[in-house]
Every structure is written in C-alpha cells, then in structure tokens.
Protein backbone atom coordinates (compact mmCIF):
# COMPACT_ATOMS: atom_id res chain seq x y z
CA UNK A 1 9.14 131.45 -83.04
CA UNK A 2 12.21 133.67 -82.84
CA UNK A 3 15.59 132.08 -83.44
CA UNK A 4 18.16 133.18 -80.87
CA UNK A 5 21.95 132.80 -80.85
CA UNK A 6 23.64 133.04 -77.49
CA UNK A 7 27.28 133.64 -76.68
CA UNK A 8 29.16 130.62 -75.36
CA UNK A 9 29.06 130.43 -71.60
CA UNK A 10 25.55 131.87 -71.14
CA UNK A 11 24.06 128.41 -70.69
CA UNK A 12 21.57 129.32 -67.95
CA UNK A 13 20.14 132.11 -70.08
CA UNK A 14 19.89 129.75 -73.06
CA UNK A 15 18.07 127.21 -70.90
CA UNK A 16 15.57 129.81 -69.62
CA UNK A 17 14.83 131.12 -73.12
CA UNK A 18 14.36 127.58 -74.40
CA UNK A 19 11.84 126.95 -71.60
CA UNK A 20 9.95 130.06 -72.79
CA UNK A 21 9.68 128.67 -76.30
CA UNK A 22 12.59 130.30 -78.12
CA UNK A 23 14.68 128.29 -80.56
CA UNK A 24 18.39 128.43 -79.69
CA UNK A 25 20.59 128.20 -82.80
CA UNK A 26 24.22 128.73 -83.77
CA UNK A 27 23.61 130.87 -86.88
CA UNK A 28 20.95 132.65 -88.97
CA UNK A 29 19.22 134.11 -85.94
CA UNK A 30 16.85 136.99 -85.24
CA UNK A 31 18.82 138.02 -82.15
CA UNK A 32 22.25 137.48 -80.63
CA UNK A 33 22.62 137.70 -76.85
CA UNK A 34 26.06 138.46 -75.43
CA UNK A 35 27.82 139.94 -72.41
CA UNK A 36 29.72 143.20 -73.02
CA UNK A 37 32.22 142.74 -70.22
CA UNK A 38 35.19 141.54 -72.25
CA UNK A 39 33.69 138.81 -74.42
CA UNK A 40 34.44 138.72 -78.14
CA UNK A 41 31.49 139.25 -80.48
CA UNK A 42 33.54 139.88 -83.61
CA UNK A 43 31.76 137.05 -85.48
CA UNK A 44 28.76 139.31 -86.03
CA UNK A 45 28.78 141.16 -89.33
CA UNK A 46 25.08 141.84 -89.88
CA UNK A 47 23.13 143.80 -87.27
CA UNK A 48 19.91 145.79 -86.98
CA UNK A 49 19.84 149.50 -86.24
CA UNK A 50 18.17 149.40 -82.83
CA UNK A 51 17.47 153.13 -82.85
CA UNK A 52 15.12 152.71 -85.80
CA UNK A 53 12.91 150.29 -83.86
CA UNK A 54 12.60 147.99 -86.85
CA UNK A 55 10.78 144.69 -86.49
CA UNK A 56 12.93 141.59 -86.03
CA UNK A 57 10.94 139.67 -88.64
CA UNK A 58 12.05 141.91 -91.51
CA UNK A 59 15.11 139.76 -92.29
CA UNK A 60 17.36 142.83 -92.40
CA UNK A 61 19.71 141.73 -89.66
CA UNK A 62 20.30 140.48 -86.18
CA UNK A 63 19.24 142.29 -83.03
CA UNK A 64 22.16 142.52 -80.58
CA UNK A 65 21.22 142.25 -76.91
CA UNK A 66 23.77 142.92 -74.19
CA UNK A 67 22.65 140.67 -71.31
CA UNK A 68 24.83 142.49 -68.80
CA UNK A 69 22.69 143.76 -65.90
CA UNK A 70 19.46 142.40 -67.45
CA UNK A 71 17.21 139.68 -66.11
CA UNK A 72 15.37 137.13 -68.26
CA UNK A 73 12.17 139.21 -68.28
CA UNK A 74 13.99 142.31 -69.54
CA UNK A 75 15.69 140.28 -72.27
CA UNK A 76 12.38 138.74 -73.33
CA UNK A 77 10.80 142.21 -73.48
CA UNK A 78 13.55 143.34 -75.87
CA UNK A 79 13.05 140.19 -77.96
CA UNK A 80 9.31 140.79 -78.19
CA UNK A 81 9.65 144.48 -79.08
CA UNK A 82 12.59 143.97 -81.41
CA UNK A 83 14.42 147.00 -79.99
CA UNK A 84 15.61 148.58 -76.77
CA UNK A 85 13.29 151.05 -75.04
CA UNK A 86 14.64 154.62 -75.15
CA UNK A 87 16.06 155.92 -71.88
CA UNK A 88 14.19 159.22 -72.07
C-alpha cells in the first residue's frame, strides 16, 4: 500500500484515495499531492526526479503530484506508475 500525504484543504481527494485503498499520512510518504495555484509546499525537502521514471518503492524520495486540473483517475495513474507520462 502506498502512503500518501495530501496538502491541507484537499479533503475530498484524501477521502477518495482512502476509499481506493491508499494510506493517508502526515509524513514519511511515497507521494505528496498538492495544488500549484498559490499553496505553500515549502515543507518538502526530499523529492524524486520524475523525469527519470524511478519507482516509488525505491525509498529515494517523495513523488510530487500537482492535483490542479487532474481528476482522481489521473492522479491514481500517476501513483501507480510512479511518474508523470511524457507529453510527447
């Protein structure tokens, strides 16, 4: 089970992910979901290089997922792959 941290205020998203079997935690997570439209994410100091497509289970960092303009299925796809799909 992947451990997910979610920015304060994204309660509906947290609820939906919990229903899908994800563990929602405050720290030591595999992924951090946030909104990029003005919210502070300065508490993150350890992140994964998403361009490398590294697996989330390698304990090298936290996958950052910007939830802006993404639905729950798109977010879950990123969680399962461990990286964003290239645009081209």
